[in-house]
């Protein structure tokens, strides 16, 4: 199974999870904090050197959310995503991996909240920091850039305060030599600190 097939499979799993049978959901109140951790797999695309030299890889994300009341929340996400060299790349000159560290502030809009499962849309922005980047066959420090985030997901509550969190995100990387985008499929757990 190649990376693109794995991403399609992840999207299908997300769609099936949205339709799954649901137990009792958390009754989230305004001011409720939650903490999530997800493993993820991503692809990098675009016209930049990043996308030309690197292809796909694994990562993880830590997400903190604050319920605003109703079906809304504000969040902050910390992600570390690693991309390996592209399959069409011959002998790699320079580092074998590209690591992106992202910090984003996000707005989440929930749908069907309180039904044991809920779907959400997420939009946000922040900063990313690349490391191990080649510049004329030399390792060089890379400059930070802006990142824009759009995506969606589903939470399936397994307990009143614990959910399985599945999501797909599209990240636009602004800065550097050209525009790049990453697509990430993620799965993990979210823990609610109920007031």
C-alpha atoms as a PDB file:
ATOM      1  CA  UNK A   1       0.000   0.000   0.000  1.00  0.00           C
ATOM      2  CA  UNK A   2       1.548   3.315  -1.026  1.00  0.00           C
ATOM      3  CA  UNK A   3       1.094   6.614   0.797  1.00  0.00           C
ATOM      4  CA  UNK A   4      -1.763   7.849  -1.371  1.00  0.00           C
ATOM      5  CA  UNK A   5      -3.684   4.598  -0.913  1.00  0.00           C
ATOM      6  CA  UNK A   6      -3.119   4.852   2.854  1.00  0.00           C
ATOM      7  CA  UNK A   7      -4.526   8.398   2.853  1.00  0.00           C
ATOM      8  CA  UNK A   8      -7.601   7.267   0.880  1.00  0.00           C
ATOM      9  CA  UNK A   9      -8.066   4.362   3.302  1.00  0.00           C
ATOM     10  CA  UNK A  10      -7.833   6.801   6.225  1.00  0.00           C
ATOM     11  CA  UNK A  11     -10.503   9.014   4.669  1.00  0.00           C
ATOM     12  CA  UNK A  12     -12.794   5.996   4.216  1.00  0.00           C
ATOM     13  CA  UNK A  13     -12.274   4.999   7.868  1.00  0.00           C
ATOM     14  CA  UNK A  14     -13.180   8.575   8.891  1.00  0.00           C
ATOM     15  CA  UNK A  15     -16.389   8.412   6.843  1.00  0.00           C
ATOM     16  CA  UNK A  16     -17.339   5.060   8.390  1.00  0.00           C
ATOM     17  CA  UNK A  17     -16.626   6.385  11.889  1.00  0.00           C
ATOM     18  CA  UNK A  18     -19.002   9.276  11.320  1.00  0.00           C
ATOM     19  CA  UNK A  19     -21.760   6.769  10.556  1.00  0.00           C
ATOM     20  CA  UNK A  20     -20.873   4.434  13.477  1.00  0.00           C
ATOM     21  CA  UNK A  21     -23.165   3.523  16.362  1.00  0.00           C
ATOM     22  CA  UNK A  22     -22.764   5.991  19.203  1.00  0.00           C
ATOM     23  CA  UNK A  23     -22.674   5.783  23.020  1.00  0.00           C
ATOM     24  CA  UNK A  24     -23.439   8.714  25.357  1.00  0.00           C
ATOM     25  CA  UNK A  25     -21.479  11.874  24.615  1.00  0.00           C
ATOM     26  CA  UNK A  26     -19.922  14.423  26.886  1.00  0.00           C
ATOM     27  CA  UNK A  27     -22.143  17.316  27.863  1.00  0.00           C
ATOM     28  CA  UNK A  28     -19.629  20.007  27.081  1.00  0.00           C
ATOM     29  CA  UNK A  29     -20.135  23.307  28.891  1.00  0.00           C
ATOM     30  CA  UNK A  30     -18.636  26.690  28.056  1.00  0.00           C
ATOM     31  CA  UNK A  31     -15.146  26.893  29.495  1.00  0.00           C
ATOM     32  CA  UNK A  32     -14.454  23.146  29.226  1.00  0.00           C
ATOM     33  CA  UNK A  33     -10.869  22.315  28.339  1.00  0.00           C
ATOM     34  CA  UNK A  34      -9.862  19.234  26.422  1.00  0.00           C
ATOM     35  CA  UNK A  35      -6.539  17.676  25.504  1.00  0.00           C
ATOM     36  CA  UNK A  36      -5.940  15.421  22.519  1.00  0.00           C
ATOM     37  CA  UNK A  37      -3.068  13.488  21.016  1.00  0.00           C
ATOM     38  CA  UNK A  38      -3.062  12.046  17.509  1.00  0.00           C
ATOM     39  CA  UNK A  39      -0.750  10.016  15.342  1.00  0.00           C
ATOM     40  CA  UNK A  40      -0.820  11.168  11.736  1.00  0.00           C
ATOM     41  CA  UNK A  41       0.441  10.393   8.270  1.00  0.00           C
ATOM     42  CA  UNK A  42       0.934  13.098   5.677  1.00  0.00           C
ATOM     43  CA  UNK A  43       1.827  13.897   2.081  1.00  0.00           C
ATOM     44  CA  UNK A  44       3.577  17.046   0.863  1.00  0.00           C
ATOM     45  CA  UNK A  45       2.711  18.584  -2.514  1.00  0.00           C
ATOM     46  CA  UNK A  46       3.344  21.745  -4.489  1.00  0.00           C
ATOM     47  CA  UNK A  47       6.020  23.542  -6.495  1.00  0.00           C
ATOM     48  CA  UNK A  48       8.500  24.170  -3.694  1.00  0.00           C
ATOM     49  CA  UNK A  49      11.828  22.444  -3.087  1.00  0.00           C
ATOM     50  CA  UNK A  50      10.177  20.697  -0.127  1.00  0.00           C
ATOM     51  CA  UNK A  51       7.599  19.035  -2.375  1.00  0.00           C
ATOM     52  CA  UNK A  52      10.153  18.171  -5.061  1.00  0.00           C
ATOM     53  CA  UNK A  53      12.574  16.518  -2.652  1.00  0.00           C
ATOM     54  CA  UNK A  54      10.264  14.926  -0.070  1.00  0.00           C
ATOM     55  CA  UNK A  55       7.124  12.830  -0.276  1.00  0.00           C
ATOM     56  CA  UNK A  56       5.316  11.405   2.765  1.00  0.00           C
ATOM     57  CA  UNK A  57       5.815  10.391   6.367  1.00  0.00           C
ATOM     58  CA  UNK A  58       4.517  10.031   9.898  1.00  0.00           C
ATOM     59  CA  UNK A  59       4.042  12.559  12.657  1.00  0.00           C
ATOM     60  CA  UNK A  60       1.998  13.425  15.732  1.00  0.00           C
ATOM     61  CA  UNK A  61      -0.125  16.271  17.031  1.00  0.00           C
ATOM     62  CA  UNK A  62      -1.098  17.568  20.466  1.00  0.00           C
ATOM     63  CA  UNK A  63      -4.311  19.592  20.531  1.00  0.00           C
ATOM     64  CA  UNK A  64      -5.790  21.742  23.298  1.00  0.00           C
ATOM     65  CA  UNK A  65      -9.358  23.012  22.927  1.00  0.00           C
ATOM     66  CA  UNK A  66     -11.469  25.475  24.894  1.00  0.00           C
ATOM     67  CA  UNK A  67     -15.265  25.253  24.520  1.00  0.00           C
ATOM     68  CA  UNK A  68     -16.890  28.607  23.786  1.00  0.00           C
ATOM     69  CA  UNK A  69     -20.408  27.344  24.309  1.00  0.00           C
ATOM     70  CA  UNK A  70     -22.770  26.008  21.729  1.00  0.00           C
ATOM     71  CA  UNK A  71     -21.097  24.102  18.942  1.00  0.00           C
ATOM     72  CA  UNK A  72     -17.849  26.122  18.924  1.00  0.00           C
ATOM     73  CA  UNK A  73     -14.349  25.869  20.351  1.00  0.00           C
ATOM     74  CA  UNK A  74     -10.986  27.578  20.077  1.00  0.00           C
ATOM     75  CA  UNK A  75      -7.912  25.417  19.893  1.00  0.00           C
ATOM     76  CA  UNK A  76      -4.167  25.421  19.699  1.00  0.00           C
ATOM     77  CA  UNK A  77      -2.303  22.597  17.987  1.00  0.00           C
ATOM     78  CA  UNK A  78       1.324  21.561  18.170  1.00  0.00           C
ATOM     79  CA  UNK A  79       2.428  19.188  15.404  1.00  0.00           C
ATOM     80  CA  UNK A  80       5.628  17.473  14.378  1.00  0.00           C
ATOM     81  CA  UNK A  81       5.529  15.979  10.888  1.00  0.00           C
ATOM     82  CA  UNK A  82       8.418  14.143   9.173  1.00  0.00           C
ATOM     83  CA  UNK A  83       8.657  13.593   5.422  1.00  0.00           C
ATOM     84  CA  UNK A  84      11.021  11.132   3.773  1.00  0.00           C
ATOM     85  CA  UNK A  85      12.719  11.602   0.388  1.00  0.00           C
ATOM     86  CA  UNK A  86      10.559  11.342  -2.717  1.00  0.00           C
ATOM     87  CA  UNK A  87      10.393   7.992  -4.491  1.00  0.00           C
ATOM     88  CA  UNK A  88      11.566   9.510  -7.784  1.00  0.00           C
ATOM     89  CA  UNK A  89      14.626  10.976  -6.089  1.00  0.00           C
ATOM     90  CA  UNK A  90      17.813   9.100  -6.842  1.00  0.00           C
ATOM     91  CA  UNK A  91      20.651   9.420  -4.396  1.00  0.00           C
ATOM     92  CA  UNK A  92      19.691  12.008  -1.817  1.00  0.00           C
ATOM     93  CA  UNK A  93      22.127  14.857  -1.379  1.00  0.00           C
ATOM     94  CA  UNK A  94      21.882  16.292   2.101  1.00  0.00           C
ATOM     95  CA  UNK A  95      19.463  15.227   4.820  1.00  0.00           C
ATOM     96  CA  UNK A  96      17.245  12.230   4.421  1.00  0.00           C
ATOM     97  CA  UNK A  97      14.242  13.795   6.179  1.00  0.00           C
ATOM     98  CA  UNK A  98      12.329  17.029   6.340  1.00  0.00           C
ATOM     99  CA  UNK A  99      10.759  17.847   9.692  1.00  0.00           C
ATOM    100  CA  UNK A 100       8.060  20.463  10.074  1.00  0.00           C
ATOM    101  CA  UNK A 101       7.094  21.770  13.492  1.00  0.00           C
ATOM    102  CA  UNK A 102       3.735  23.581  13.386  1.00  0.00           C
ATOM    103  CA  UNK A 103       1.933  25.725  15.938  1.00  0.00           C
ATOM    104  CA  UNK A 104      -1.558  26.836  14.947  1.00  0.00           C
ATOM    105  CA  UNK A 105      -4.513  28.613  16.536  1.00  0.00           C
ATOM    106  CA  UNK A 106      -7.793  27.138  15.343  1.00  0.00           C
ATOM    107  CA  UNK A 107     -11.544  27.705  15.307  1.00  0.00           C
ATOM    108  CA  UNK A 108     -13.672  24.551  15.469  1.00  0.00           C
ATOM    109  CA  UNK A 109     -17.339  24.296  14.542  1.00  0.00           C
ATOM    110  CA  UNK A 110     -19.089  21.119  15.703  1.00  0.00           C
ATOM    111  CA  UNK A 111     -22.086  19.425  14.109  1.00  0.00           C
ATOM    112  CA  UNK A 112     -24.470  16.937  15.786  1.00  0.00           C
ATOM    113  CA  UNK A 113     -22.837  17.549  19.181  1.00  0.00           C
ATOM    114  CA  UNK A 114     -24.301  15.469  22.021  1.00  0.00           C
ATOM    115  CA  UNK A 115     -25.259  12.473  19.877  1.00  0.00           C
ATOM    116  CA  UNK A 116     -22.375  10.222  20.996  1.00  0.00           C
ATOM    117  CA  UNK A 117     -20.390  11.240  17.987  1.00  0.00           C
ATOM    118  CA  UNK A 118     -19.883  14.595  16.389  1.00  0.00           C
ATOM    119  CA  UNK A 119     -18.308  15.943  13.277  1.00  0.00           C
ATOM    120  CA  UNK A 120     -16.343  19.157  13.113  1.00  0.00           C
ATOM    121  CA  UNK A 121     -14.794  21.606  10.704  1.00  0.00           C
ATOM    122  CA  UNK A 122     -11.543  23.326  11.629  1.00  0.00           C
ATOM    123  CA  UNK A 123      -9.938  26.502  10.273  1.00  0.00           C
ATOM    124  CA  UNK A 124      -6.843  28.258  11.537  1.00  0.00           C
ATOM    125  CA  UNK A 125      -3.401  29.627  11.011  1.00  0.00           C
ATOM    126  CA  UNK A 126      -0.010  29.869  12.628  1.00  0.00           C
ATOM    127  CA  UNK A 127       3.675  29.269  12.051  1.00  0.00           C
ATOM    128  CA  UNK A 128       5.730  26.345  10.819  1.00  0.00           C
ATOM    129  CA  UNK A 129       9.451  25.710  11.209  1.00  0.00           C
ATOM    130  CA  UNK A 130      11.277  23.384   8.785  1.00  0.00           C
ATOM    131  CA  UNK A 131      14.514  21.643   9.735  1.00  0.00           C
ATOM    132  CA  UNK A 132      17.083  19.553   7.861  1.00  0.00           C
ATOM    133  CA  UNK A 133      16.585  21.513   4.654  1.00  0.00           C
ATOM    134  CA  UNK A 134      19.102  21.388   1.781  1.00  0.00           C
ATOM    135  CA  UNK A 135      20.453  24.582   0.240  1.00  0.00           C
ATOM    136  CA  UNK A 136      22.986  24.065  -2.576  1.00  0.00           C
ATOM    137  CA  UNK A 137      23.961  20.677  -1.158  1.00  0.00           C
ATOM    138  CA  UNK A 138      24.644  22.218   2.262  1.00  0.00           C
ATOM    139  CA  UNK A 139      22.640  22.033   5.429  1.00  0.00           C
ATOM    140  CA  UNK A 140      21.306  25.487   6.168  1.00  0.00           C
ATOM    141  CA  UNK A 141      18.977  26.970   8.721  1.00  0.00           C
ATOM    142  CA  UNK A 142      15.534  27.453   7.220  1.00  0.00           C
ATOM    143  CA  UNK A 143      13.277  30.375   7.873  1.00  0.00           C
ATOM    144  CA  UNK A 144       9.884  30.009   9.499  1.00  0.00           C
ATOM    145  CA  UNK A 145       6.749  30.509   7.437  1.00  0.00           C
ATOM    146  CA  UNK A 146       3.028  30.955   7.791  1.00  0.00           C
ATOM    147  CA  UNK A 147       0.659  28.008   7.749  1.00  0.00           C
ATOM    148  CA  UNK A 148      -3.075  28.002   6.978  1.00  0.00           C
ATOM    149  CA  UNK A 149      -5.201  25.049   8.125  1.00  0.00           C
ATOM    150  CA  UNK A 150      -8.560  23.729   6.915  1.00  0.00           C
ATOM    151  CA  UNK A 151     -10.013  20.342   7.635  1.00  0.00           C
ATOM    152  CA  UNK A 152     -12.639  18.209   9.222  1.00  0.00           C
ATOM    153  CA  UNK A 153     -12.992  15.351  11.586  1.00  0.00           C
ATOM    154  CA  UNK A 154     -15.163  13.207  13.764  1.00  0.00           C
ATOM    155  CA  UNK A 155     -15.151  12.388  17.445  1.00  0.00           C
ATOM    156  CA  UNK A 156     -16.678   9.126  18.638  1.00  0.00           C
ATOM    157  CA  UNK A 157     -17.210   9.129  22.389  1.00  0.00           C
ATOM    158  CA  UNK A 158     -16.216   5.899  24.118  1.00  0.00           C
ATOM    159  CA  UNK A 159     -16.847   7.405  27.555  1.00  0.00           C
ATOM    160  CA  UNK A 160     -18.434  10.613  28.743  1.00  0.00           C
ATOM    161  CA  UNK A 161     -15.049  12.375  28.818  1.00  0.00           C
ATOM    162  CA  UNK A 162     -13.050  10.393  26.243  1.00  0.00           C
ATOM    163  CA  UNK A 163     -13.383  10.303  22.484  1.00  0.00           C
ATOM    164  CA  UNK A 164     -11.620   8.766  19.532  1.00  0.00           C
ATOM    165  CA  UNK A 165     -10.675  11.704  17.290  1.00  0.00           C
ATOM    166  CA  UNK A 166     -10.257  11.119  13.536  1.00  0.00           C
ATOM    167  CA  UNK A 167      -9.399  13.996  11.212  1.00  0.00           C
ATOM    168  CA  UNK A 168      -8.124  15.034   7.813  1.00  0.00           C
ATOM    169  CA  UNK A 169      -6.305  18.370   7.463  1.00  0.00           C
ATOM    170  CA  UNK A 170      -5.005  20.410   4.566  1.00  0.00           C
ATOM    171  CA  UNK A 171      -2.146  22.754   5.459  1.00  0.00           C
ATOM    172  CA  UNK A 172      -0.992  25.529   3.147  1.00  0.00           C
ATOM    173  CA  UNK A 173       2.657  26.452   3.733  1.00  0.00           C
ATOM    174  CA  UNK A 174       3.407  30.064   2.819  1.00  0.00           C
ATOM    175  CA  UNK A 175       6.995  31.296   2.670  1.00  0.00           C
ATOM    176  CA  UNK A 176      10.195  29.889   1.322  1.00  0.00           C
ATOM    177  CA  UNK A 177      10.732  29.497  -2.404  1.00  0.00           C
ATOM    178  CA  UNK A 178       7.159  28.545  -3.427  1.00  0.00           C
ATOM    179  CA  UNK A 179       3.793  27.387  -2.107  1.00  0.00           C
ATOM    180  CA  UNK A 180       3.532  23.897  -0.612  1.00  0.00           C
ATOM    181  CA  UNK A 181       0.630  22.006   0.867  1.00  0.00           C
ATOM    182  CA  UNK A 182       0.421  19.020   3.157  1.00  0.00           C
ATOM    183  CA  UNK A 183      -2.499  16.635   3.596  1.00  0.00           C
ATOM    184  CA  UNK A 184      -2.633  14.740   6.871  1.00  0.00           C
ATOM    185  CA  UNK A 185      -4.884  11.930   8.084  1.00  0.00           C
ATOM    186  CA  UNK A 186      -4.818  11.591  11.874  1.00  0.00           C
ATOM    187  CA  UNK A 187      -6.281   9.340  14.563  1.00  0.00           C
ATOM    188  CA  UNK A 188      -6.020   9.565  18.334  1.00  0.00           C
ATOM    189  CA  UNK A 189      -7.812  10.301  21.593  1.00  0.00           C
ATOM    190  CA  UNK A 190      -9.313  13.436  23.098  1.00  0.00           C
ATOM    191  CA  UNK A 191      -9.820  13.828  26.846  1.00  0.00           C
ATOM    192  CA  UNK A 192     -12.352  16.324  28.251  1.00  0.00           C
ATOM    193  CA  UNK A 193     -11.863  18.020  31.618  1.00  0.00           C
ATOM    194  CA  UNK A 194     -15.534  18.411  32.523  1.00  0.00           C
ATOM    195  CA  UNK A 195     -16.323  21.257  34.914  1.00  0.00           C
END
